[in-house]
Amino acid sequence: MANQTNAVNPSVILPFAAICNFEAPTTELAPDFVPSVWVIVGEFATFEEAKAACYSHKNHPALISMQVHQDMRAEVAE
């Protein structure tokens, strides 16, 4: 059997995700209830790219908050 090595191409690893929280439209049934939804804006190779994606939505009137998430898990292709 040949010796196999699992190689990971660094160009396809996108460990950073830009995530935004938006206020959803309220309903007439419960006008005091403000529903919200978390949206993954995209996945990026660097923290700076993910941060820029978050800030590209900073003027959206429904934006509640934003965050950058980093996936620290080591993934190995088989």
C-alpha atoms as a PDB file:
ATOM      1  CA  MET A   1       0.000   0.000   0.000  1.00  0.00           C
ATOM      2  CA  ALA A   2       1.316   3.429  -0.897  1.00  0.00           C
ATOM      3  CA  ASN A   3       2.023   5.957   1.827  1.00  0.00           C
ATOM      4  CA  GLN A   4      -0.782   8.542   1.788  1.00  0.00           C
ATOM      5  CA  THR A   5      -0.598  12.032   3.239  1.00  0.00           C
ATOM      6  CA  ASN A   6      -3.574  14.267   3.749  1.00  0.00           C
ATOM      7  CA  ALA A   7      -2.782  17.671   2.361  1.00  0.00           C
ATOM      8  CA  VAL A   8      -4.898  20.710   3.044  1.00  0.00           C
ATOM      9  CA  ASN A   9      -4.819  23.503   0.511  1.00  0.00           C
ATOM     10  CA  PRO A  10      -4.585  26.738   2.549  1.00  0.00           C
ATOM     11  CA  SER A  11      -6.332  28.687  -0.202  1.00  0.00           C
ATOM     12  CA  VAL A  12      -9.614  26.851   0.455  1.00  0.00           C
ATOM     13  CA  ILE A  13      -9.627  27.189   4.250  1.00  0.00           C
ATOM     14  CA  LEU A  14     -11.935  30.031   5.234  1.00  0.00           C
ATOM     15  CA  PRO A  15     -11.817  30.095   9.036  1.00  0.00           C
ATOM     16  CA  PHE A  16     -13.495  33.482   9.591  1.00  0.00           C
ATOM     17  CA  ALA A  17     -17.227  34.143   9.287  1.00  0.00           C
ATOM     18  CA  ALA A  18     -18.905  37.544   9.322  1.00  0.00           C
ATOM     19  CA  ILE A  19     -22.210  37.317  11.198  1.00  0.00           C
ATOM     20  CA  CYS A  20     -24.809  40.068  11.533  1.00  0.00           C
ATOM     21  CA  ASN A  21     -27.940  40.253  13.678  1.00  0.00           C
ATOM     22  CA  PHE A  22     -30.884  42.052  12.090  1.00  0.00           C
ATOM     23  CA  GLU A  23     -34.211  43.110  13.517  1.00  0.00           C
ATOM     24  CA  ALA A  24     -37.016  41.451  11.565  1.00  0.00           C
ATOM     25  CA  PRO A  25     -40.254  43.265  10.773  1.00  0.00           C
ATOM     26  CA  THR A  26     -42.722  43.124  13.647  1.00  0.00           C
ATOM     27  CA  THR A  27     -46.142  41.616  13.293  1.00  0.00           C
ATOM     28  CA  GLU A  28     -49.459  43.230  14.010  1.00  0.00           C
ATOM     29  CA  LEU A  29     -50.262  40.349  16.391  1.00  0.00           C
ATOM     30  CA  ALA A  30     -47.414  41.200  18.750  1.00  0.00           C
ATOM     31  CA  PRO A  31     -46.140  44.758  18.125  1.00  0.00           C
ATOM     32  CA  ASP A  32     -44.014  44.735  21.316  1.00  0.00           C
ATOM     33  CA  PHE A  33     -42.165  41.588  20.230  1.00  0.00           C
ATOM     34  CA  VAL A  34     -39.090  42.400  18.137  1.00  0.00           C
ATOM     35  CA  PRO A  35     -37.904  39.262  16.369  1.00  0.00           C
ATOM     36  CA  SER A  36     -34.354  39.114  15.088  1.00  0.00           C
ATOM     37  CA  VAL A  37     -32.373  36.886  12.789  1.00  0.00           C
ATOM     38  CA  TRP A  38     -28.645  36.060  12.635  1.00  0.00           C
ATOM     39  CA  VAL A  39     -27.211  36.010   9.104  1.00  0.00           C
ATOM     40  CA  ILE A  40     -23.818  34.693   8.009  1.00  0.00           C
ATOM     41  CA  VAL A  41     -22.700  37.389   5.597  1.00  0.00           C
ATOM     42  CA  GLY A  42     -19.826  35.260   4.308  1.00  0.00           C
ATOM     43  CA  GLU A  43     -16.758  33.184   5.074  1.00  0.00           C
ATOM     44  CA  PHE A  44     -13.303  34.700   4.682  1.00  0.00           C
ATOM     45  CA  ALA A  45      -9.630  33.781   4.828  1.00  0.00           C
ATOM     46  CA  THR A  46      -8.614  36.674   7.094  1.00  0.00           C
ATOM     47  CA  PHE A  47     -10.038  38.508  10.085  1.00  0.00           C
ATOM     48  CA  GLU A  48      -9.745  41.846   8.269  1.00  0.00           C
ATOM     49  CA  GLU A  49     -11.863  40.611   5.336  1.00  0.00           C
ATOM     50  CA  ALA A  50     -14.563  39.330   7.709  1.00  0.00           C
ATOM     51  CA  LYS A  51     -14.529  42.576   9.700  1.00  0.00           C
ATOM     52  CA  ALA A  52     -14.861  44.613   6.493  1.00  0.00           C
ATOM     53  CA  ALA A  53     -17.860  42.486   5.472  1.00  0.00           C
ATOM     54  CA  CYS A  54     -19.522  43.200   8.818  1.00  0.00           C
ATOM     55  CA  TYR A  55     -18.864  46.927   8.545  1.00  0.00           C
ATOM     56  CA  SER A  56     -20.263  47.011   5.014  1.00  0.00           C
ATOM     57  CA  HIS A  57     -23.681  46.626   6.701  1.00  0.00           C
ATOM     58  CA  LYS A  58     -23.090  49.172   9.491  1.00  0.00           C
ATOM     59  CA  ASN A  59     -25.602  51.689   8.085  1.00  0.00           C
ATOM     60  CA  HIS A  60     -28.409  49.159   7.608  1.00  0.00           C
ATOM     61  CA  PRO A  61     -31.397  50.436   9.619  1.00  0.00           C
ATOM     62  CA  ALA A  62     -32.269  46.954  10.945  1.00  0.00           C
ATOM     63  CA  LEU A  63     -28.749  46.063  12.139  1.00  0.00           C
ATOM     64  CA  ILE A  64     -28.644  45.161  15.835  1.00  0.00           C
ATOM     65  CA  SER A  65     -25.124  43.778  16.174  1.00  0.00           C
ATOM     66  CA  MET A  66     -22.291  42.123  14.276  1.00  0.00           C
ATOM     67  CA  GLN A  67     -19.500  39.733  15.074  1.00  0.00           C
ATOM     68  CA  VAL A  68     -16.627  37.835  13.507  1.00  0.00           C
ATOM     69  CA  HIS A  69     -16.350  34.148  14.308  1.00  0.00           C
ATOM     70  CA  GLN A  70     -13.152  32.130  13.910  1.00  0.00           C
ATOM     71  CA  ASP A  71     -13.374  28.380  13.432  1.00  0.00           C
ATOM     72  CA  MET A  72     -10.425  26.809  15.242  1.00  0.00           C
ATOM     73  CA  ARG A  73     -11.177  23.217  14.278  1.00  0.00           C
ATOM     74  CA  ALA A  74      -8.559  21.452  12.186  1.00  0.00           C
ATOM     75  CA  GLU A  75     -10.250  19.886   9.198  1.00  0.00           C
ATOM     76  CA  VAL A  76      -8.501  17.131   7.287  1.00  0.00           C
ATOM     77  CA  ALA A  77      -9.600  16.125   3.800  1.00  0.00           C
ATOM     78  CA  GLU A  78      -9.852  12.397   3.194  1.00  0.00           C
END
